[in-house]
């Protein structure tokens, strides 16, 4: 089979398309004939040995796939050859076949296309866990989303709207803000690109304050980090919840006196660990997300498709923040 492999730590240019042996499923495992693989921020980190997990090389990046089960190992129940599934894996998805545990598979709705299925669980799973379990977002509350046109950000916009919140989308261009409004944002704000000096950080904070209004944001969804984090925290409401989701702009240094003055919570969001620790709750979340998809309340926005041979470019586009919505690698 063909696979895009990381053979040494480095950027997307270090990936190599190679022929390798097709793996066989062991007990409790299934083999998926991959049709599409979603590209996510961890893919940019794992190939540089900067992610929480460091798989033994060579390995393929790609943490979520859609495809058909084409082989099952001993002891697998409830899944059969030919079933269409979404596979939630840590890596290995940018290949023609991948092995995963049966419990890491979710059934696909019959009318869901391959690319949307491969762009579904990671982003919506992260954002729904963030807004539901970590922030307890309620109807009528104000939600400020940073990086709102990216994969998890746009999912947060849609889910926040579906949950009855007033969503304020923050992104780096008018085109991106327009996309968020088409997906449920009540209003949006364009923030400048950093880095920022002291006056620039102050102006950024005022930009966010003006966007959310006098009450402040009940929930801040920060998928950007860097200087944007402190500026957004300054716009949070009393007893608000600040969700720490990702750091494409760098890991922020936040003065904790702000948390005291705002009486707010700074809450970490690690969906992958949550899904491992609370599989029943995670399965319920996925079922609720599928219901919202089938009701037309949420739908992945796939802005670009790449063939397997160009998977490195797909990762580079995401790393350089050119993506609007999701990028998917299609595997014929």
C-alpha atoms as a PDB file:
ATOM      1  CA  UNK A   1       0.000   0.000   0.000  1.00  0.00           C
ATOM      2  CA  UNK A   2       1.043   3.628  -0.387  1.00  0.00           C
ATOM      3  CA  UNK A   3       1.586   5.853   2.638  1.00  0.00           C
ATOM      4  CA  UNK A   4       2.921   9.349   3.260  1.00  0.00           C
ATOM      5  CA  UNK A   5       5.661   8.775   5.823  1.00  0.00           C
ATOM      6  CA  UNK A   6       7.590  10.819   8.333  1.00  0.00           C
ATOM      7  CA  UNK A   7      11.055   9.264   8.358  1.00  0.00           C
ATOM      8  CA  UNK A   8      12.858  12.050  10.271  1.00  0.00           C
ATOM      9  CA  UNK A   9      11.736  15.022  12.386  1.00  0.00           C
ATOM     10  CA  UNK A  10      10.985  18.089  10.284  1.00  0.00           C
ATOM     11  CA  UNK A  11       8.418  20.089   8.365  1.00  0.00           C
ATOM     12  CA  UNK A  12       6.055  18.923   5.631  1.00  0.00           C
ATOM     13  CA  UNK A  13       8.894  18.884   3.082  1.00  0.00           C
ATOM     14  CA  UNK A  14      10.430  15.896   4.918  1.00  0.00           C
ATOM     15  CA  UNK A  15       7.449  13.620   4.225  1.00  0.00           C
ATOM     16  CA  UNK A  16       7.932  10.838   1.685  1.00  0.00           C
ATOM     17  CA  UNK A  17       5.375   8.828  -0.297  1.00  0.00           C
ATOM     18  CA  UNK A  18       6.395   5.163  -0.134  1.00  0.00           C
ATOM     19  CA  UNK A  19       5.098   1.652  -0.683  1.00  0.00           C
ATOM     20  CA  UNK A  20       4.890  -0.353   2.521  1.00  0.00           C
ATOM     21  CA  UNK A  21       3.308  -3.621   3.615  1.00  0.00           C
ATOM     22  CA  UNK A  22      -0.436  -3.584   4.224  1.00  0.00           C
ATOM     23  CA  UNK A  23      -0.989  -4.082   7.989  1.00  0.00           C
ATOM     24  CA  UNK A  24      -3.142  -6.842   9.471  1.00  0.00           C
ATOM     25  CA  UNK A  25      -5.612  -6.227  12.334  1.00  0.00           C
ATOM     26  CA  UNK A  26      -4.983  -7.860  15.676  1.00  0.00           C
ATOM     27  CA  UNK A  27      -7.504  -8.793  18.388  1.00  0.00           C
ATOM     28  CA  UNK A  28     -10.043  -6.017  18.901  1.00  0.00           C
ATOM     29  CA  UNK A  29      -8.822  -4.127  15.833  1.00  0.00           C
ATOM     30  CA  UNK A  30     -10.166  -3.352  12.382  1.00  0.00           C
ATOM     31  CA  UNK A  31      -8.498  -2.350   9.131  1.00  0.00           C
ATOM     32  CA  UNK A  32      -9.985   0.621   7.307  1.00  0.00           C
ATOM     33  CA  UNK A  33      -9.663   1.199   3.581  1.00  0.00           C
ATOM     34  CA  UNK A  34      -9.089   4.931   3.837  1.00  0.00           C
ATOM     35  CA  UNK A  35     -11.093   7.189   1.520  1.00  0.00           C
ATOM     36  CA  UNK A  36     -10.299  10.550   3.096  1.00  0.00           C
ATOM     37  CA  UNK A  37      -8.097  11.896   5.884  1.00  0.00           C
ATOM     38  CA  UNK A  38      -8.723  15.178   7.683  1.00  0.00           C
ATOM     39  CA  UNK A  39      -5.760  17.495   8.277  1.00  0.00           C
ATOM     40  CA  UNK A  40      -5.527  18.928  11.786  1.00  0.00           C
ATOM     41  CA  UNK A  41      -3.163  21.114  13.770  1.00  0.00           C
ATOM     42  CA  UNK A  42      -1.558  18.158  15.618  1.00  0.00           C
ATOM     43  CA  UNK A  43      -0.353  16.887  12.223  1.00  0.00           C
ATOM     44  CA  UNK A  44       1.882  19.951  11.957  1.00  0.00           C
ATOM     45  CA  UNK A  45       3.399  19.178  15.369  1.00  0.00           C
ATOM     46  CA  UNK A  46       3.715  15.394  15.363  1.00  0.00           C
ATOM     47  CA  UNK A  47       6.028  15.310  12.325  1.00  0.00           C
ATOM     48  CA  UNK A  48       8.397  17.706  14.152  1.00  0.00           C
ATOM     49  CA  UNK A  49       8.328  15.760  17.448  1.00  0.00           C
ATOM     50  CA  UNK A  50       6.509  18.663  19.107  1.00  0.00           C
ATOM     51  CA  UNK A  51       3.259  16.868  19.958  1.00  0.00           C
ATOM     52  CA  UNK A  52       2.265  15.074  23.177  1.00  0.00           C
ATOM     53  CA  UNK A  53       2.882  11.727  21.448  1.00  0.00           C
ATOM     54  CA  UNK A  54       6.028  10.700  19.567  1.00  0.00           C
ATOM     55  CA  UNK A  55       5.335   7.590  17.492  1.00  0.00           C
ATOM     56  CA  UNK A  56       8.174   5.375  16.340  1.00  0.00           C
ATOM     57  CA  UNK A  57       9.280   6.198  12.797  1.00  0.00           C
ATOM     58  CA  UNK A  58       8.423   5.701  10.066  1.00  0.00           C
ATOM     59  CA  UNK A  59       4.798   6.717  10.582  1.00  0.00           C
ATOM     60  CA  UNK A  60       2.066   8.525   8.691  1.00  0.00           C
ATOM     61  CA  UNK A  61       0.461  11.677  10.093  1.00  0.00           C
ATOM     62  CA  UNK A  62      -3.308  11.956  10.050  1.00  0.00           C
ATOM     63  CA  UNK A  63      -5.530  11.512  13.092  1.00  0.00           C
ATOM     64  CA  UNK A  64      -9.013  11.071  11.591  1.00  0.00           C
ATOM     65  CA  UNK A  65     -10.168   9.138   8.556  1.00  0.00           C
ATOM     66  CA  UNK A  66     -13.265   7.964   6.786  1.00  0.00           C
ATOM     67  CA  UNK A  67     -13.521   4.734   4.856  1.00  0.00           C
ATOM     68  CA  UNK A  68     -14.810   1.173   4.778  1.00  0.00           C
ATOM     69  CA  UNK A  69     -13.821  -1.635   7.090  1.00  0.00           C
ATOM     70  CA  UNK A  70     -12.130  -4.291   4.952  1.00  0.00           C
ATOM     71  CA  UNK A  71     -10.829  -6.658   7.663  1.00  0.00           C
ATOM     72  CA  UNK A  72     -11.646  -7.350  11.319  1.00  0.00           C
ATOM     73  CA  UNK A  73      -9.572  -8.940  14.052  1.00  0.00           C
ATOM     74  CA  UNK A  74     -10.618 -11.518  16.625  1.00  0.00           C
ATOM     75  CA  UNK A  75     -13.137 -10.431  19.218  1.00  0.00           C
ATOM     76  CA  UNK A  76     -14.580  -7.510  17.271  1.00  0.00           C
ATOM     77  CA  UNK A  77     -18.333  -7.148  17.747  1.00  0.00           C
ATOM     78  CA  UNK A  78     -20.759  -4.753  16.106  1.00  0.00           C
ATOM     79  CA  UNK A  79     -18.582  -4.014  13.062  1.00  0.00           C
ATOM     80  CA  UNK A  80     -18.352  -5.928   9.808  1.00  0.00           C
ATOM     81  CA  UNK A  81     -16.440  -5.809   6.536  1.00  0.00           C
ATOM     82  CA  UNK A  82     -18.028  -3.169   4.313  1.00  0.00           C
ATOM     83  CA  UNK A  83     -19.218  -0.872   7.122  1.00  0.00           C
ATOM     84  CA  UNK A  84     -18.661   2.848   6.455  1.00  0.00           C
ATOM     85  CA  UNK A  85     -16.940   4.372   9.478  1.00  0.00           C
ATOM     86  CA  UNK A  86     -15.119   7.378  10.834  1.00  0.00           C
ATOM     87  CA  UNK A  87     -11.864   6.252  12.428  1.00  0.00           C
ATOM     88  CA  UNK A  88     -10.415   8.249  15.318  1.00  0.00           C
ATOM     89  CA  UNK A  89      -6.696   7.553  15.458  1.00  0.00           C
ATOM     90  CA  UNK A  90      -3.654   9.389  16.759  1.00  0.00           C
ATOM     91  CA  UNK A  91      -1.626   8.989  13.553  1.00  0.00           C
ATOM     92  CA  UNK A  92      -1.422   6.770  10.476  1.00  0.00           C
ATOM     93  CA  UNK A  93      -4.314   8.177   8.449  1.00  0.00           C
ATOM     94  CA  UNK A  94      -2.412   9.451   5.407  1.00  0.00           C
ATOM     95  CA  UNK A  95      -2.210   5.983   3.901  1.00  0.00           C
ATOM     96  CA  UNK A  96      -4.359   3.660   1.831  1.00  0.00           C
ATOM     97  CA  UNK A  97      -5.084   1.449   4.854  1.00  0.00           C
ATOM     98  CA  UNK A  98      -4.926   2.005   8.596  1.00  0.00           C
ATOM     99  CA  UNK A  99      -5.371  -0.190  11.662  1.00  0.00           C
ATOM    100  CA  UNK A 100      -7.308   1.066  14.657  1.00  0.00           C
ATOM    101  CA  UNK A 101      -9.185  -0.326  17.620  1.00  0.00           C
ATOM    102  CA  UNK A 102     -12.799  -1.126  16.898  1.00  0.00           C
ATOM    103  CA  UNK A 103     -13.899   1.083  19.790  1.00  0.00           C
ATOM    104  CA  UNK A 104     -12.281   4.056  18.022  1.00  0.00           C
ATOM    105  CA  UNK A 105     -14.696   3.809  15.097  1.00  0.00           C
ATOM    106  CA  UNK A 106     -17.990   5.646  14.734  1.00  0.00           C
ATOM    107  CA  UNK A 107     -20.646   4.763  12.138  1.00  0.00           C
ATOM    108  CA  UNK A 108     -21.102   7.222   9.274  1.00  0.00           C
ATOM    109  CA  UNK A 109     -24.545   8.531   8.325  1.00  0.00           C
ATOM    110  CA  UNK A 110     -25.546   7.065   4.964  1.00  0.00           C
ATOM    111  CA  UNK A 111     -25.772  10.483   3.318  1.00  0.00           C
ATOM    112  CA  UNK A 112     -22.444  11.830   4.623  1.00  0.00           C
ATOM    113  CA  UNK A 113     -19.735  12.134   1.939  1.00  0.00           C
ATOM    114  CA  UNK A 114     -16.208  10.877   2.598  1.00  0.00           C
ATOM    115  CA  UNK A 115     -14.603  14.312   2.843  1.00  0.00           C
ATOM    116  CA  UNK A 116     -17.119  15.658   5.355  1.00  0.00           C
ATOM    117  CA  UNK A 117     -16.831  12.498   7.434  1.00  0.00           C
ATOM    118  CA  UNK A 118     -13.044  12.881   7.604  1.00  0.00           C
ATOM    119  CA  UNK A 119     -13.509  16.505   8.699  1.00  0.00           C
ATOM    120  CA  UNK A 120     -16.123  15.819  11.356  1.00  0.00           C
ATOM    121  CA  UNK A 121     -15.115  14.148  14.599  1.00  0.00           C
ATOM    122  CA  UNK A 122     -11.844  15.882  15.493  1.00  0.00           C
ATOM    123  CA  UNK A 123     -13.034  19.457  15.046  1.00  0.00           C
ATOM    124  CA  UNK A 124     -16.620  19.097  16.225  1.00  0.00           C
ATOM    125  CA  UNK A 125     -15.586  16.656  18.956  1.00  0.00           C
ATOM    126  CA  UNK A 126     -13.048  19.139  20.318  1.00  0.00           C
ATOM    127  CA  UNK A 127     -15.381  22.110  20.120  1.00  0.00           C
ATOM    128  CA  UNK A 128     -18.475  20.347  21.460  1.00  0.00           C
ATOM    129  CA  UNK A 129     -16.537  18.963  24.434  1.00  0.00           C
ATOM    130  CA  UNK A 130     -15.137  22.464  25.019  1.00  0.00           C
ATOM    131  CA  UNK A 131     -18.492  24.236  24.890  1.00  0.00           C
ATOM    132  CA  UNK A 132     -20.595  21.533  26.558  1.00  0.00           C
ATOM    133  CA  UNK A 133     -18.471  19.879  29.244  1.00  0.00           C
ATOM    134  CA  UNK A 134     -15.783  22.499  29.856  1.00  0.00           C
ATOM    135  CA  UNK A 135     -17.687  25.784  29.474  1.00  0.00           C
ATOM    136  CA  UNK A 136     -21.326  24.785  30.107  1.00  0.00           C
ATOM    137  CA  UNK A 137     -22.332  27.254  27.393  1.00  0.00           C
ATOM    138  CA  UNK A 138     -25.978  28.249  27.712  1.00  0.00           C
ATOM    139  CA  UNK A 139     -28.622  29.888  25.513  1.00  0.00           C
ATOM    140  CA  UNK A 140     -28.352  33.652  25.357  1.00  0.00           C
ATOM    141  CA  UNK A 141     -24.726  33.743  26.477  1.00  0.00           C
ATOM    142  CA  UNK A 142     -22.013  35.495  24.461  1.00  0.00           C
ATOM    143  CA  UNK A 143     -19.296  33.332  22.921  1.00  0.00           C
ATOM    144  CA  UNK A 144     -16.124  34.894  21.474  1.00  0.00           C
ATOM    145  CA  UNK A 145     -14.272  32.543  19.111  1.00  0.00           C
ATOM    146  CA  UNK A 146     -10.671  33.274  18.125  1.00  0.00           C
ATOM    147  CA  UNK A 147      -9.423  31.726  14.896  1.00  0.00           C
ATOM    148  CA  UNK A 148     -13.073  31.394  13.995  1.00  0.00           C
ATOM    149  CA  UNK A 149     -12.570  30.435  10.336  1.00  0.00           C
ATOM    150  CA  UNK A 150     -10.253  27.501  11.059  1.00  0.00           C
ATOM    151  CA  UNK A 151     -11.344  23.902  11.544  1.00  0.00           C
ATOM    152  CA  UNK A 152     -12.107  23.837  15.276  1.00  0.00           C
ATOM    153  CA  UNK A 153     -13.012  27.541  15.265  1.00  0.00           C
ATOM    154  CA  UNK A 154     -15.683  27.240  12.604  1.00  0.00           C
ATOM    155  CA  UNK A 155     -17.030  24.156  14.367  1.00  0.00           C
ATOM    156  CA  UNK A 156     -17.254  26.219  17.574  1.00  0.00           C
ATOM    157  CA  UNK A 157     -19.155  28.945  15.706  1.00  0.00           C
ATOM    158  CA  UNK A 158     -21.695  26.451  14.360  1.00  0.00           C
ATOM    159  CA  UNK A 159     -22.087  24.599  17.633  1.00  0.00           C
ATOM    160  CA  UNK A 160     -22.339  27.792  19.666  1.00  0.00           C
ATOM    161  CA  UNK A 161     -25.102  29.001  17.371  1.00  0.00           C
ATOM    162  CA  UNK A 162     -26.870  25.621  17.583  1.00  0.00           C
ATOM    163  CA  UNK A 163     -26.644  25.800  21.396  1.00  0.00           C
ATOM    164  CA  UNK A 164     -28.402  29.179  21.417  1.00  0.00           C
ATOM    165  CA  UNK A 165     -25.429  31.434  22.126  1.00  0.00           C
ATOM    166  CA  UNK A 166     -24.660  34.813  20.582  1.00  0.00           C
ATOM    167  CA  UNK A 167     -21.460  34.079  18.669  1.00  0.00           C
ATOM    168  CA  UNK A 168     -18.841  36.754  17.969  1.00  0.00           C
ATOM    169  CA  UNK A 169     -16.283  35.474  15.473  1.00  0.00           C
ATOM    170  CA  UNK A 170     -12.734  36.837  15.433  1.00  0.00           C
ATOM    171  CA  UNK A 171     -10.517  36.098  12.431  1.00  0.00           C
ATOM    172  CA  UNK A 172      -7.670  37.603  10.419  1.00  0.00           C
ATOM    173  CA  UNK A 173      -9.541  38.784   7.299  1.00  0.00           C
ATOM    174  CA  UNK A 174     -12.915  40.033   6.103  1.00  0.00           C
ATOM    175  CA  UNK A 175     -13.328  36.923   3.928  1.00  0.00           C
ATOM    176  CA  UNK A 176     -12.886  34.697   6.969  1.00  0.00           C
ATOM    177  CA  UNK A 177     -15.350  36.710   9.037  1.00  0.00           C
ATOM    178  CA  UNK A 178     -17.864  36.513   6.173  1.00  0.00           C
ATOM    179  CA  UNK A 179     -17.497  32.719   6.198  1.00  0.00           C
ATOM    180  CA  UNK A 180     -18.225  32.583   9.941  1.00  0.00           C
ATOM    181  CA  UNK A 181     -21.354  34.691   9.528  1.00  0.00           C
ATOM    182  CA  UNK A 182     -22.596  32.236   6.896  1.00  0.00           C
ATOM    183  CA  UNK A 183     -22.174  29.520   9.552  1.00  0.00           C
ATOM    184  CA  UNK A 184     -24.053  31.225  12.377  1.00  0.00           C
ATOM    185  CA  UNK A 185     -21.934  34.029  13.830  1.00  0.00           C
ATOM    186  CA  UNK A 186     -24.037  37.009  14.907  1.00  0.00           C
ATOM    187  CA  UNK A 187     -21.155  39.401  14.328  1.00  0.00           C
ATOM    188  CA  UNK A 188     -17.451  39.366  13.651  1.00  0.00           C
ATOM    189  CA  UNK A 189     -14.225  41.267  14.100  1.00  0.00           C
ATOM    190  CA  UNK A 190     -11.024  41.292  12.047  1.00  0.00           C
ATOM    191  CA  UNK A 191      -7.896  41.268  14.183  1.00  0.00           C
ATOM    192  CA  UNK A 192      -4.450  42.330  12.920  1.00  0.00           C
ATOM    193  CA  UNK A 193      -1.544  39.936  12.657  1.00  0.00           C
ATOM    194  CA  UNK A 194       1.105  40.109  15.370  1.00  0.00           C
ATOM    195  CA  UNK A 195       3.552  40.385  16.934  1.00  0.00           C
ATOM    196  CA  UNK A 196       2.281  43.314  18.991  1.00  0.00           C
ATOM    197  CA  UNK A 197       4.039  45.926  21.092  1.00  0.00           C
ATOM    198  CA  UNK A 198       2.470  47.264  24.304  1.00  0.00           C
ATOM    199  CA  UNK A 199       0.205  49.698  22.470  1.00  0.00           C
ATOM    200  CA  UNK A 200      -0.761  47.027  19.959  1.00  0.00           C
ATOM    201  CA  UNK A 201      -1.784  44.609  22.715  1.00  0.00           C
ATOM    202  CA  UNK A 202      -3.858  47.327  24.361  1.00  0.00           C
ATOM    203  CA  UNK A 203      -5.578  48.131  21.055  1.00  0.00           C
ATOM    204  CA  UNK A 204      -6.235  44.427  20.457  1.00  0.00           C
ATOM    205  CA  UNK A 205      -7.901  44.085  23.850  1.00  0.00           C
ATOM    206  CA  UNK A 206     -10.097  47.097  23.116  1.00  0.00           C
ATOM    207  CA  UNK A 207     -11.019  45.579  19.753  1.00  0.00           C
ATOM    208  CA  UNK A 208     -12.303  42.448  21.495  1.00  0.00           C
ATOM    209  CA  UNK A 209     -14.090  44.468  24.213  1.00  0.00           C
ATOM    210  CA  UNK A 210     -15.925  46.530  21.605  1.00  0.00           C
ATOM    211  CA  UNK A 211     -16.885  43.375  19.698  1.00  0.00           C
ATOM    212  CA  UNK A 212     -18.458  41.512  22.622  1.00  0.00           C
ATOM    213  CA  UNK A 213     -20.135  44.523  24.245  1.00  0.00           C
ATOM    214  CA  UNK A 214     -20.256  45.953  27.753  1.00  0.00           C
ATOM    215  CA  UNK A 215     -21.211  42.684  29.464  1.00  0.00           C
ATOM    216  CA  UNK A 216     -18.170  40.895  28.062  1.00  0.00           C
ATOM    217  CA  UNK A 217     -17.869  37.373  26.689  1.00  0.00           C
ATOM    218  CA  UNK A 218     -19.327  34.653  28.896  1.00  0.00           C
ATOM    219  CA  UNK A 219     -17.084  32.163  27.093  1.00  0.00           C
ATOM    220  CA  UNK A 220     -13.869  32.772  25.156  1.00  0.00           C
ATOM    221  CA  UNK A 221     -12.803  29.968  22.812  1.00  0.00           C
ATOM    222  CA  UNK A 222      -9.089  30.474  22.179  1.00  0.00           C
ATOM    223  CA  UNK A 223      -7.728  28.336  19.373  1.00  0.00           C
ATOM    224  CA  UNK A 224      -4.957  30.855  18.557  1.00  0.00           C
ATOM    225  CA  UNK A 225      -2.886  31.669  21.656  1.00  0.00           C
ATOM    226  CA  UNK A 226       0.015  34.121  21.512  1.00  0.00           C
ATOM    227  CA  UNK A 227      -0.742  37.761  22.310  1.00  0.00           C
ATOM    228  CA  UNK A 228      -4.378  37.191  21.339  1.00  0.00           C
ATOM    229  CA  UNK A 229      -5.033  35.184  24.508  1.00  0.00           C
ATOM    230  CA  UNK A 230      -4.414  37.954  27.052  1.00  0.00           C
ATOM    231  CA  UNK A 231      -6.266  40.481  24.899  1.00  0.00           C
ATOM    232  CA  UNK A 232      -9.323  38.207  24.725  1.00  0.00           C
ATOM    233  CA  UNK A 233      -9.160  37.456  28.460  1.00  0.00           C
ATOM    234  CA  UNK A 234      -9.426  41.183  29.122  1.00  0.00           C
ATOM    235  CA  UNK A 235     -12.780  41.093  27.257  1.00  0.00           C
ATOM    236  CA  UNK A 236     -14.253  38.246  29.334  1.00  0.00           C
ATOM    237  CA  UNK A 237     -17.326  38.697  31.529  1.00  0.00           C
ATOM    238  CA  UNK A 238     -17.413  38.306  35.297  1.00  0.00           C
ATOM    239  CA  UNK A 239     -17.305  34.566  36.062  1.00  0.00           C
ATOM    240  CA  UNK A 240     -16.597  33.841  32.402  1.00  0.00           C
ATOM    241  CA  UNK A 241     -14.851  30.714  31.109  1.00  0.00           C
ATOM    242  CA  UNK A 242     -11.683  30.985  29.019  1.00  0.00           C
ATOM    243  CA  UNK A 243     -11.120  27.847  26.943  1.00  0.00           C
ATOM    244  CA  UNK A 244      -7.506  26.967  26.135  1.00  0.00           C
ATOM    245  CA  UNK A 245      -7.689  25.046  22.843  1.00  0.00           C
ATOM    246  CA  UNK A 246      -4.567  25.641  20.732  1.00  0.00           C
ATOM    247  CA  UNK A 247      -1.481  27.753  20.096  1.00  0.00           C
ATOM    248  CA  UNK A 248      -0.704  28.366  16.396  1.00  0.00           C
ATOM    249  CA  UNK A 249       0.364  31.912  17.362  1.00  0.00           C
ATOM    250  CA  UNK A 250       2.519  30.628  20.238  1.00  0.00           C
ATOM    251  CA  UNK A 251       2.006  29.582  23.854  1.00  0.00           C
ATOM    252  CA  UNK A 252       0.781  32.687  25.717  1.00  0.00           C
ATOM    253  CA  UNK A 253       1.993  34.153  28.990  1.00  0.00           C
ATOM    254  CA  UNK A 254      -1.133  35.290  30.831  1.00  0.00           C
ATOM    255  CA  UNK A 255      -0.938  37.475  33.978  1.00  0.00           C
ATOM    256  CA  UNK A 256      -3.041  35.517  36.446  1.00  0.00           C
ATOM    257  CA  UNK A 257      -4.183  38.648  38.238  1.00  0.00           C
ATOM    258  CA  UNK A 258      -6.656  38.988  35.342  1.00  0.00           C
ATOM    259  CA  UNK A 259      -8.329  35.736  36.359  1.00  0.00           C
ATOM    260  CA  UNK A 260      -8.663  37.081  39.908  1.00  0.00           C
ATOM    261  CA  UNK A 261     -10.055  40.446  38.799  1.00  0.00           C
ATOM    262  CA  UNK A 262     -12.539  38.828  36.421  1.00  0.00           C
ATOM    263  CA  UNK A 263     -13.529  36.034  38.781  1.00  0.00           C
ATOM    264  CA  UNK A 264     -13.167  33.786  35.743  1.00  0.00           C
ATOM    265  CA  UNK A 265     -12.013  30.269  34.986  1.00  0.00           C
ATOM    266  CA  UNK A 266      -9.143  29.355  32.658  1.00  0.00           C
ATOM    267  CA  UNK A 267     -10.034  25.894  31.424  1.00  0.00           C
ATOM    268  CA  UNK A 268      -7.901  23.453  29.437  1.00  0.00           C
ATOM    269  CA  UNK A 269      -9.467  21.510  26.553  1.00  0.00           C
ATOM    270  CA  UNK A 270      -7.793  18.206  25.605  1.00  0.00           C
ATOM    271  CA  UNK A 271     -10.424  16.297  23.702  1.00  0.00           C
ATOM    272  CA  UNK A 272      -8.175  13.341  22.833  1.00  0.00           C
ATOM    273  CA  UNK A 273      -7.506  12.569  26.486  1.00  0.00           C
ATOM    274  CA  UNK A 274     -11.174  13.153  27.373  1.00  0.00           C
ATOM    275  CA  UNK A 275     -12.275  10.685  24.679  1.00  0.00           C
ATOM    276  CA  UNK A 276      -9.919   8.045  26.142  1.00  0.00           C
ATOM    277  CA  UNK A 277     -10.926   8.667  29.752  1.00  0.00           C
ATOM    278  CA  UNK A 278     -14.678   9.102  29.203  1.00  0.00           C
ATOM    279  CA  UNK A 279     -15.569   6.900  26.217  1.00  0.00           C
ATOM    280  CA  UNK A 280     -19.279   6.685  27.057  1.00  0.00           C
ATOM    281  CA  UNK A 281     -19.642  10.472  27.370  1.00  0.00           C
ATOM    282  CA  UNK A 282     -17.642  10.981  24.185  1.00  0.00           C
ATOM    283  CA  UNK A 283     -19.833   8.499  22.311  1.00  0.00           C
ATOM    284  CA  UNK A 284     -22.906  10.420  23.500  1.00  0.00           C
ATOM    285  CA  UNK A 285     -21.352  13.661  22.266  1.00  0.00           C
ATOM    286  CA  UNK A 286     -20.717  12.120  18.844  1.00  0.00           C
ATOM    287  CA  UNK A 287     -24.291  10.831  18.675  1.00  0.00           C
ATOM    288  CA  UNK A 288     -25.602  14.322  19.471  1.00  0.00           C
ATOM    289  CA  UNK A 289     -23.289  15.831  16.849  1.00  0.00           C
ATOM    290  CA  UNK A 290     -24.545  13.384  14.217  1.00  0.00           C
ATOM    291  CA  UNK A 291     -28.119  14.356  15.118  1.00  0.00           C
ATOM    292  CA  UNK A 292     -27.207  18.029  14.605  1.00  0.00           C
ATOM    293  CA  UNK A 293     -25.562  17.172  11.268  1.00  0.00           C
ATOM    294  CA  UNK A 294     -28.606  15.297  10.049  1.00  0.00           C
ATOM    295  CA  UNK A 295     -30.831  18.174  11.182  1.00  0.00           C
ATOM    296  CA  UNK A 296     -28.743  20.584   9.095  1.00  0.00           C
ATOM    297  CA  UNK A 297     -27.460  22.538  12.104  1.00  0.00           C
ATOM    298  CA  UNK A 298     -23.775  21.763  11.505  1.00  0.00           C
ATOM    299  CA  UNK A 299     -21.821  20.753   8.425  1.00  0.00           C
ATOM    300  CA  UNK A 300     -18.050  20.655   7.852  1.00  0.00           C
ATOM    301  CA  UNK A 301     -16.770  23.321   5.477  1.00  0.00           C
ATOM    302  CA  UNK A 302     -14.054  21.631   3.401  1.00  0.00           C
ATOM    303  CA  UNK A 303     -12.163  24.384   1.608  1.00  0.00           C
ATOM    304  CA  UNK A 304      -9.470  22.307  -0.092  1.00  0.00           C
ATOM    305  CA  UNK A 305      -8.866  18.717  -1.225  1.00  0.00           C
ATOM    306  CA  UNK A 306      -5.407  17.237  -1.883  1.00  0.00           C
ATOM    307  CA  UNK A 307      -4.324  13.851  -3.255  1.00  0.00           C
ATOM    308  CA  UNK A 308      -2.173  11.640  -1.041  1.00  0.00           C
ATOM    309  CA  UNK A 309       0.955  12.597  -2.986  1.00  0.00           C
ATOM    310  CA  UNK A 310       0.433  16.250  -1.956  1.00  0.00           C
ATOM    311  CA  UNK A 311      -0.350  15.610   1.714  1.00  0.00           C
ATOM    312  CA  UNK A 312       2.730  17.570   2.742  1.00  0.00           C
ATOM    313  CA  UNK A 313       1.388  20.679   1.040  1.00  0.00           C
ATOM    314  CA  UNK A 314      -1.947  20.177   2.786  1.00  0.00           C
ATOM    315  CA  UNK A 315      -0.171  20.179   6.160  1.00  0.00           C
ATOM    316  CA  UNK A 316       1.865  23.245   5.164  1.00  0.00           C
ATOM    317  CA  UNK A 317      -1.281  25.179   4.197  1.00  0.00           C
ATOM    318  CA  UNK A 318      -2.748  24.450   7.616  1.00  0.00           C
ATOM    319  CA  UNK A 319       0.470  25.312   9.448  1.00  0.00           C
ATOM    320  CA  UNK A 320       0.683  28.657   7.631  1.00  0.00           C
ATOM    321  CA  UNK A 321      -2.955  29.413   8.546  1.00  0.00           C
ATOM    322  CA  UNK A 322      -4.246  29.565   4.973  1.00  0.00           C
ATOM    323  CA  UNK A 323      -7.107  27.168   5.643  1.00  0.00           C
ATOM    324  CA  UNK A 324     -10.734  28.247   5.889  1.00  0.00           C
ATOM    325  CA  UNK A 325     -12.621  25.431   7.528  1.00  0.00           C
ATOM    326  CA  UNK A 326     -11.008  22.053   6.888  1.00  0.00           C
ATOM    327  CA  UNK A 327      -8.429  20.639   4.487  1.00  0.00           C
ATOM    328  CA  UNK A 328      -8.858  16.992   3.499  1.00  0.00           C
ATOM    329  CA  UNK A 329      -6.500  14.522   1.819  1.00  0.00           C
ATOM    330  CA  UNK A 330      -8.447  12.276  -0.557  1.00  0.00           C
ATOM    331  CA  UNK A 331      -7.132   8.740  -1.049  1.00  0.00           C
ATOM    332  CA  UNK A 332      -8.351   7.026  -4.229  1.00  0.00           C
END
